[in-house]
C-alpha cells in the first residue's frame, strides 16, 4: 500500500467521532511504526480533545525513530495553538533526548497559557544539562506563589527534579515579603527534602512554619517579686 493511502487511512481513523476508535488507531500506529505516520500523529496532537487519546498519540510517536520524530515535534513548539505546544513538550519529555533541551525556550517557560508553561517546566527539568540547572531554577523562580494549586504543584515538582541546584532560589524565595511566595517556597523546600511527601502536606507544613515566623514574640516572663521590706 502506498504511503499516501496509509496516511490517509490513519488520518481518517483519528478523525472518527468515537474516542475509543481514535484510541485504537493511535495504538495501532505505535504498534506498527511507519515513518509516514509521524506527521499525521503530530498534527493530531494539536487538535485531539480526549486526554487518553492524546497520551496514546504521544506513545505512538515515541515508538518511532527519534531522529525523525524530534524535528516534527519541535516544529509544534512554535504553533499558535496552545495544545500543540503543550503536547509537543510532553512528547519531548517522554522521548528524553537531552539534545532537545535547547528547544525549550524562555518563551515556553513563561507561556501565557498555563498548560503550556507547566509542560515546559516538566520537560525542562527532566532534560536540563547539569551545568544549567541553577540557571533553569533562576528562570522558574519568579513563578513561585503564582497560579492555582495544580500550577504550584507542577512548579514545585520541577524544582524537585532540578534538585539541590535549585536550593538557593527556593531558599531566597522562602524569605520573600510576599506571603504567597514564601509559603510556596517553604512547601517546595519541604518536597525537595522529602520528594515522596505529598504537596498538600508540604503546603500545610509551610503554612505552620510561616505562622510561627509571623507570630509575635512573647514578652519576657516577670522575675520573682522582691520580698517586702
C-alpha atoms as a PDB file:
ATOM      1  CA  UNK A   1       0.000   0.000   0.000  1.00  0.00           C
ATOM      2  CA  UNK A   2       1.345   3.449  -0.916  1.00  0.00           C
ATOM      3  CA  UNK A   3       2.349   5.851   1.874  1.00  0.00           C
ATOM      4  CA  UNK A   4      -0.395   8.244   0.784  1.00  0.00           C
ATOM      5  CA  UNK A   5      -3.041   5.584   1.251  1.00  0.00           C
ATOM      6  CA  UNK A   6      -1.598   4.578   4.632  1.00  0.00           C
ATOM      7  CA  UNK A   7      -1.535   8.119   5.975  1.00  0.00           C
ATOM      8  CA  UNK A   8      -4.967   8.926   4.606  1.00  0.00           C
ATOM      9  CA  UNK A   9      -6.338   5.864   6.379  1.00  0.00           C
ATOM     10  CA  UNK A  10      -4.700   6.830   9.681  1.00  0.00           C
ATOM     11  CA  UNK A  11      -5.860  10.425   9.379  1.00  0.00           C
ATOM     12  CA  UNK A  12      -9.423   9.309   8.745  1.00  0.00           C
ATOM     13  CA  UNK A  13      -9.291   6.883  11.692  1.00  0.00           C
ATOM     14  CA  UNK A  14      -8.031   9.646  14.003  1.00  0.00           C
ATOM     15  CA  UNK A  15     -10.908  11.879  12.968  1.00  0.00           C
ATOM     16  CA  UNK A  16     -13.662   9.418  13.920  1.00  0.00           C
ATOM     17  CA  UNK A  17     -16.263  10.669  16.345  1.00  0.00           C
ATOM     18  CA  UNK A  18     -15.835   7.742  18.765  1.00  0.00           C
ATOM     19  CA  UNK A  19     -12.853   8.379  21.056  1.00  0.00           C
ATOM     20  CA  UNK A  20     -12.333   4.643  21.597  1.00  0.00           C
ATOM     21  CA  UNK A  21     -11.824   4.177  17.854  1.00  0.00           C
ATOM     22  CA  UNK A  22      -9.351   7.057  17.762  1.00  0.00           C
ATOM     23  CA  UNK A  23      -7.525   5.478  20.701  1.00  0.00           C
ATOM     24  CA  UNK A  24      -7.304   2.179  18.818  1.00  0.00           C
ATOM     25  CA  UNK A  25      -6.000   3.926  15.702  1.00  0.00           C
ATOM     26  CA  UNK A  26      -3.248   5.660  17.672  1.00  0.00           C
ATOM     27  CA  UNK A  27      -2.340   2.398  19.392  1.00  0.00           C
ATOM     28  CA  UNK A  28      -2.133   0.591  16.050  1.00  0.00           C
ATOM     29  CA  UNK A  29       0.124   3.333  14.670  1.00  0.00           C
ATOM     30  CA  UNK A  30       2.502   2.810  17.589  1.00  0.00           C
ATOM     31  CA  UNK A  31       2.348  -0.964  17.447  1.00  0.00           C
ATOM     32  CA  UNK A  32       3.325  -0.990  13.759  1.00  0.00           C
ATOM     33  CA  UNK A  33       5.548   2.085  13.353  1.00  0.00           C
ATOM     34  CA  UNK A  34       5.871   3.668   9.942  1.00  0.00           C
ATOM     35  CA  UNK A  35       7.769   6.881   9.260  1.00  0.00           C
ATOM     36  CA  UNK A  36       4.818   8.069   7.184  1.00  0.00           C
ATOM     37  CA  UNK A  37       2.689   8.138  10.360  1.00  0.00           C
ATOM     38  CA  UNK A  38       4.813  10.709  12.194  1.00  0.00           C
ATOM     39  CA  UNK A  39       3.401  13.870  10.619  1.00  0.00           C
ATOM     40  CA  UNK A  40      -0.180  12.610  10.979  1.00  0.00           C
ATOM     41  CA  UNK A  41       0.296  11.772  14.647  1.00  0.00           C
ATOM     42  CA  UNK A  42       1.990  15.102  15.402  1.00  0.00           C
ATOM     43  CA  UNK A  43      -0.760  17.015  13.602  1.00  0.00           C
ATOM     44  CA  UNK A  44      -3.472  15.216  15.536  1.00  0.00           C
ATOM     45  CA  UNK A  45      -1.848  16.073  18.871  1.00  0.00           C
ATOM     46  CA  UNK A  46      -2.720  19.718  18.232  1.00  0.00           C
ATOM     47  CA  UNK A  47      -6.469  19.144  17.995  1.00  0.00           C
ATOM     48  CA  UNK A  48      -7.314  15.876  19.764  1.00  0.00           C
ATOM     49  CA  UNK A  49      -9.866  16.666  22.508  1.00  0.00           C
ATOM     50  CA  UNK A  50      -9.566  13.465  24.556  1.00  0.00           C
ATOM     51  CA  UNK A  51      -6.767  13.250  27.133  1.00  0.00           C
ATOM     52  CA  UNK A  52      -6.308   9.481  26.811  1.00  0.00           C
ATOM     53  CA  UNK A  53      -6.138   9.622  23.035  1.00  0.00           C
ATOM     54  CA  UNK A  54      -3.564  12.423  23.236  1.00  0.00           C
ATOM     55  CA  UNK A  55      -1.475  10.301  25.579  1.00  0.00           C
ATOM     56  CA  UNK A  56      -1.698   7.395  23.143  1.00  0.00           C
ATOM     57  CA  UNK A  57      -0.638   9.682  20.303  1.00  0.00           C
ATOM     58  CA  UNK A  58       2.471  10.607  22.299  1.00  0.00           C
ATOM     59  CA  UNK A  59       3.145   6.928  22.997  1.00  0.00           C
ATOM     60  CA  UNK A  60       2.816   6.158  19.301  1.00  0.00           C
ATOM     61  CA  UNK A  61       5.298   8.895  18.440  1.00  0.00           C
ATOM     62  CA  UNK A  62       7.818   7.531  20.953  1.00  0.00           C
ATOM     63  CA  UNK A  63       7.651   4.178  19.170  1.00  0.00           C
ATOM     64  CA  UNK A  64       9.084   5.737  16.008  1.00  0.00           C
ATOM     65  CA  UNK A  65      12.670   6.685  15.171  1.00  0.00           C
ATOM     66  CA  UNK A  66      13.579   9.646  17.430  1.00  0.00           C
ATOM     67  CA  UNK A  67      15.740  11.133  14.683  1.00  0.00           C
ATOM     68  CA  UNK A  68      12.568  11.570  12.617  1.00  0.00           C
ATOM     69  CA  UNK A  69      10.134  12.314  15.439  1.00  0.00           C
ATOM     70  CA  UNK A  70      12.079  15.045  17.240  1.00  0.00           C
ATOM     71  CA  UNK A  71      12.144  17.539  14.331  1.00  0.00           C
ATOM     72  CA  UNK A  72       8.415  17.050  13.769  1.00  0.00           C
ATOM     73  CA  UNK A  73       7.650  17.583  17.446  1.00  0.00           C
ATOM     74  CA  UNK A  74       9.972  20.579  17.832  1.00  0.00           C
ATOM     75  CA  UNK A  75       8.103  22.292  14.996  1.00  0.00           C
ATOM     76  CA  UNK A  76       4.943  22.011  17.093  1.00  0.00           C
ATOM     77  CA  UNK A  77       6.535  24.133  19.829  1.00  0.00           C
ATOM     78  CA  UNK A  78       6.152  27.190  17.634  1.00  0.00           C
ATOM     79  CA  UNK A  79       2.497  26.528  16.858  1.00  0.00           C
ATOM     80  CA  UNK A  80      -0.105  29.227  17.546  1.00  0.00           C
ATOM     81  CA  UNK A  81      -2.253  26.504  19.102  1.00  0.00           C
ATOM     82  CA  UNK A  82      -1.536  26.048  22.838  1.00  0.00           C
ATOM     83  CA  UNK A  83      -2.420  22.357  22.782  1.00  0.00           C
ATOM     84  CA  UNK A  84       0.123  21.732  20.033  1.00  0.00           C
ATOM     85  CA  UNK A  85       2.812  23.401  22.132  1.00  0.00           C
ATOM     86  CA  UNK A  86       1.903  21.630  25.372  1.00  0.00           C
ATOM     87  CA  UNK A  87       1.588  18.209  23.749  1.00  0.00           C
ATOM     88  CA  UNK A  88       4.838  18.719  21.874  1.00  0.00           C
ATOM     89  CA  UNK A  89       6.598  19.481  25.148  1.00  0.00           C
ATOM     90  CA  UNK A  90       5.008  16.441  26.760  1.00  0.00           C
ATOM     91  CA  UNK A  91       6.229  14.278  23.887  1.00  0.00           C
ATOM     92  CA  UNK A  92       9.768  15.638  24.161  1.00  0.00           C
ATOM     93  CA  UNK A  93       9.778  14.834  27.870  1.00  0.00           C
ATOM     94  CA  UNK A  94       8.782  11.255  27.051  1.00  0.00           C
ATOM     95  CA  UNK A  95      11.426  10.878  24.359  1.00  0.00           C
ATOM     96  CA  UNK A  96      14.026  12.159  26.816  1.00  0.00           C
ATOM     97  CA  UNK A  97      16.653  13.258  24.285  1.00  0.00           C
ATOM     98  CA  UNK A  98      18.949  15.720  26.120  1.00  0.00           C
ATOM     99  CA  UNK A  99      19.777  17.426  22.816  1.00  0.00           C
ATOM    100  CA  UNK A 100      16.219  18.806  22.760  1.00  0.00           C
ATOM    101  CA  UNK A 101      16.883  20.961  25.837  1.00  0.00           C
ATOM    102  CA  UNK A 102      17.647  23.998  23.698  1.00  0.00           C
ATOM    103  CA  UNK A 103      14.181  23.805  22.093  1.00  0.00           C
ATOM    104  CA  UNK A 104      12.570  24.707  25.438  1.00  0.00           C
ATOM    105  CA  UNK A 105      12.865  28.465  25.191  1.00  0.00           C
ATOM    106  CA  UNK A 106      12.167  31.102  27.870  1.00  0.00           C
ATOM    107  CA  UNK A 107       9.043  31.991  25.876  1.00  0.00           C
ATOM    108  CA  UNK A 108       7.709  28.482  26.545  1.00  0.00           C
ATOM    109  CA  UNK A 109       8.754  28.530  30.210  1.00  0.00           C
ATOM    110  CA  UNK A 110       6.779  31.758  30.628  1.00  0.00           C
ATOM    111  CA  UNK A 111       3.982  30.950  28.178  1.00  0.00           C
ATOM    112  CA  UNK A 112       0.767  32.844  28.937  1.00  0.00           C
ATOM    113  CA  UNK A 113      -1.116  29.560  28.600  1.00  0.00           C
ATOM    114  CA  UNK A 114      -0.677  27.791  31.937  1.00  0.00           C
ATOM    115  CA  UNK A 115      -0.887  24.294  30.444  1.00  0.00           C
ATOM    116  CA  UNK A 116       1.974  25.105  28.095  1.00  0.00           C
ATOM    117  CA  UNK A 117       4.145  26.626  30.828  1.00  0.00           C
ATOM    118  CA  UNK A 118       3.560  23.637  33.106  1.00  0.00           C
ATOM    119  CA  UNK A 119       4.507  21.228  30.322  1.00  0.00           C
ATOM    120  CA  UNK A 120       7.618  23.295  29.649  1.00  0.00           C
ATOM    121  CA  UNK A 121       8.625  23.185  33.331  1.00  0.00           C
ATOM    122  CA  UNK A 122       8.311  19.400  33.426  1.00  0.00           C
ATOM    123  CA  UNK A 123      10.188  18.887  30.181  1.00  0.00           C
ATOM    124  CA  UNK A 124      12.938  21.365  31.026  1.00  0.00           C
ATOM    125  CA  UNK A 125      13.528  19.909  34.494  1.00  0.00           C
ATOM    126  CA  UNK A 126      13.952  16.455  33.000  1.00  0.00           C
ATOM    127  CA  UNK A 127      16.208  17.493  30.120  1.00  0.00           C
ATOM    128  CA  UNK A 128      18.339  20.295  31.564  1.00  0.00           C
ATOM    129  CA  UNK A 129      22.122  19.693  31.460  1.00  0.00           C
ATOM    130  CA  UNK A 130      23.842  19.568  34.821  1.00  0.00           C
ATOM    131  CA  UNK A 131      25.660  22.852  34.235  1.00  0.00           C
ATOM    132  CA  UNK A 132      22.397  24.699  33.511  1.00  0.00           C
ATOM    133  CA  UNK A 133      20.319  23.521  36.463  1.00  0.00           C
ATOM    134  CA  UNK A 134      20.900  26.641  38.545  1.00  0.00           C
ATOM    135  CA  UNK A 135      20.089  28.823  35.520  1.00  0.00           C
ATOM    136  CA  UNK A 136      16.809  26.983  34.973  1.00  0.00           C
ATOM    137  CA  UNK A 137      15.910  27.368  38.647  1.00  0.00           C
ATOM    138  CA  UNK A 138      16.532  31.116  38.410  1.00  0.00           C
ATOM    139  CA  UNK A 139      14.292  31.255  35.314  1.00  0.00           C
ATOM    140  CA  UNK A 140      11.474  29.465  37.150  1.00  0.00           C
ATOM    141  CA  UNK A 141      11.842  31.322  40.453  1.00  0.00           C
ATOM    142  CA  UNK A 142       9.502  34.228  39.567  1.00  0.00           C
ATOM    143  CA  UNK A 143       6.626  31.756  39.186  1.00  0.00           C
ATOM    144  CA  UNK A 144       6.713  30.774  42.865  1.00  0.00           C
ATOM    145  CA  UNK A 145       3.475  31.773  44.572  1.00  0.00           C
ATOM    146  CA  UNK A 146       1.648  32.193  41.260  1.00  0.00           C
ATOM    147  CA  UNK A 147      -1.355  30.330  39.853  1.00  0.00           C
ATOM    148  CA  UNK A 148      -3.737  27.727  41.229  1.00  0.00           C
ATOM    149  CA  UNK A 149      -2.785  24.722  43.326  1.00  0.00           C
ATOM    150  CA  UNK A 150      -2.114  22.481  40.309  1.00  0.00           C
ATOM    151  CA  UNK A 151       0.192  25.091  38.799  1.00  0.00           C
ATOM    152  CA  UNK A 152       2.061  25.442  42.090  1.00  0.00           C
ATOM    153  CA  UNK A 153       2.311  21.667  42.432  1.00  0.00           C
ATOM    154  CA  UNK A 154       3.790  21.415  38.922  1.00  0.00           C
ATOM    155  CA  UNK A 155       6.367  24.085  39.654  1.00  0.00           C
ATOM    156  CA  UNK A 156       7.361  22.507  42.960  1.00  0.00           C
ATOM    157  CA  UNK A 157       7.817  19.142  41.271  1.00  0.00           C
ATOM    158  CA  UNK A 158      10.013  20.779  38.636  1.00  0.00           C
ATOM    159  CA  UNK A 159      12.231  22.185  41.393  1.00  0.00           C
ATOM    160  CA  UNK A 160      12.391  18.733  42.988  1.00  0.00           C
ATOM    161  CA  UNK A 161      13.597  17.250  39.684  1.00  0.00           C
ATOM    162  CA  UNK A 162      16.166  20.024  39.220  1.00  0.00           C
ATOM    163  CA  UNK A 163      17.492  19.125  42.656  1.00  0.00           C
ATOM    164  CA  UNK A 164      19.708  20.957  45.086  1.00  0.00           C
ATOM    165  CA  UNK A 165      20.990  23.262  42.349  1.00  0.00           C
ATOM    166  CA  UNK A 166      17.609  24.965  42.823  1.00  0.00           C
ATOM    167  CA  UNK A 167      18.144  25.342  46.565  1.00  0.00           C
ATOM    168  CA  UNK A 168      19.466  28.902  46.517  1.00  0.00           C
ATOM    169  CA  UNK A 169      16.485  30.168  44.502  1.00  0.00           C
ATOM    170  CA  UNK A 170      13.935  28.359  46.660  1.00  0.00           C
ATOM    171  CA  UNK A 171      15.540  29.363  49.951  1.00  0.00           C
ATOM    172  CA  UNK A 172      15.752  33.014  48.889  1.00  0.00           C
ATOM    173  CA  UNK A 173      12.049  32.952  47.946  1.00  0.00           C
ATOM    174  CA  UNK A 174      11.261  31.496  51.378  1.00  0.00           C
ATOM    175  CA  UNK A 175      12.380  34.855  52.806  1.00  0.00           C
ATOM    176  CA  UNK A 176      10.169  36.902  50.457  1.00  0.00           C
ATOM    177  CA  UNK A 177       7.952  39.681  51.764  1.00  0.00           C
ATOM    178  CA  UNK A 178       5.114  38.165  49.717  1.00  0.00           C
ATOM    179  CA  UNK A 179       3.357  35.558  51.851  1.00  0.00           C
ATOM    180  CA  UNK A 180       2.157  33.515  48.859  1.00  0.00           C
ATOM    181  CA  UNK A 181       5.694  33.289  47.511  1.00  0.00           C
ATOM    182  CA  UNK A 182       7.069  32.485  50.959  1.00  0.00           C
ATOM    183  CA  UNK A 183       4.597  29.665  51.632  1.00  0.00           C
ATOM    184  CA  UNK A 184       5.054  28.128  48.187  1.00  0.00           C
ATOM    185  CA  UNK A 185       8.823  28.245  48.554  1.00  0.00           C
ATOM    186  CA  UNK A 186       8.686  26.661  52.018  1.00  0.00           C
ATOM    187  CA  UNK A 187       6.443  23.904  50.652  1.00  0.00           C
ATOM    188  CA  UNK A 188       8.818  23.381  47.739  1.00  0.00           C
ATOM    189  CA  UNK A 189      11.788  23.117  50.089  1.00  0.00           C
ATOM    190  CA  UNK A 190       9.878  20.526  52.142  1.00  0.00           C
ATOM    191  CA  UNK A 191       9.314  18.496  48.960  1.00  0.00           C
ATOM    192  CA  UNK A 192      12.963  18.831  47.952  1.00  0.00           C
ATOM    193  CA  UNK A 193      13.940  17.456  51.349  1.00  0.00           C
ATOM    194  CA  UNK A 194      11.365  14.653  51.107  1.00  0.00           C
ATOM    195  CA  UNK A 195      10.358  14.044  47.445  1.00  0.00           C
ATOM    196  CA  UNK A 196       7.898  11.329  48.434  1.00  0.00           C
ATOM    197  CA  UNK A 197       5.827  13.719  50.539  1.00  0.00           C
ATOM    198  CA  UNK A 198       2.519  14.928  49.177  1.00  0.00           C
ATOM    199  CA  UNK A 199       2.175  18.514  48.016  1.00  0.00           C
ATOM    200  CA  UNK A 200      -0.848  19.250  50.225  1.00  0.00           C
ATOM    201  CA  UNK A 201       1.032  18.056  53.299  1.00  0.00           C
ATOM    202  CA  UNK A 202       4.038  20.162  52.332  1.00  0.00           C
ATOM    203  CA  UNK A 203       1.799  23.231  51.996  1.00  0.00           C
ATOM    204  CA  UNK A 204       0.260  22.599  55.417  1.00  0.00           C
ATOM    205  CA  UNK A 205       3.753  22.319  56.905  1.00  0.00           C
ATOM    206  CA  UNK A 206       4.789  25.530  55.124  1.00  0.00           C
ATOM    207  CA  UNK A 207       1.802  27.408  56.496  1.00  0.00           C
ATOM    208  CA  UNK A 208       2.634  26.318  60.033  1.00  0.00           C
ATOM    209  CA  UNK A 209       6.244  27.393  59.631  1.00  0.00           C
ATOM    210  CA  UNK A 210       5.133  30.702  58.176  1.00  0.00           C
ATOM    211  CA  UNK A 211       2.653  31.278  61.013  1.00  0.00           C
ATOM    212  CA  UNK A 212       5.383  30.680  63.575  1.00  0.00           C
ATOM    213  CA  UNK A 213       7.619  33.207  61.848  1.00  0.00           C
ATOM    214  CA  UNK A 214       4.847  35.816  61.898  1.00  0.00           C
ATOM    215  CA  UNK A 215       3.779  35.150  65.481  1.00  0.00           C
ATOM    216  CA  UNK A 216       4.567  37.998  67.880  1.00  0.00           C
ATOM    217  CA  UNK A 217       7.401  37.373  70.276  1.00  0.00           C
ATOM    218  CA  UNK A 218       6.082  36.850  73.793  1.00  0.00           C
ATOM    219  CA  UNK A 219       7.432  39.325  76.367  1.00  0.00           C
ATOM    220  CA  UNK A 220       9.874  38.006  78.905  1.00  0.00           C
ATOM    221  CA  UNK A 221       8.167  36.442  81.889  1.00  0.00           C
ATOM    222  CA  UNK A 222       8.379  38.623  85.012  1.00  0.00           C
ATOM    223  CA  UNK A 223      11.002  37.637  87.506  1.00  0.00           C
ATOM    224  CA  UNK A 224      10.241  36.738  91.176  1.00  0.00           C
ATOM    225  CA  UNK A 225       8.761  39.585  93.207  1.00  0.00           C
ATOM    226  CA  UNK A 226      11.155  41.078  95.675  1.00  0.00           C
ATOM    227  CA  UNK A 227      10.175  40.356  99.274  1.00  0.00           C
ATOM    228  CA  UNK A 228       8.517  43.153 101.211  1.00  0.00           C
ATOM    229  CA  UNK A 229      10.924  45.180 103.285  1.00  0.00           C
END
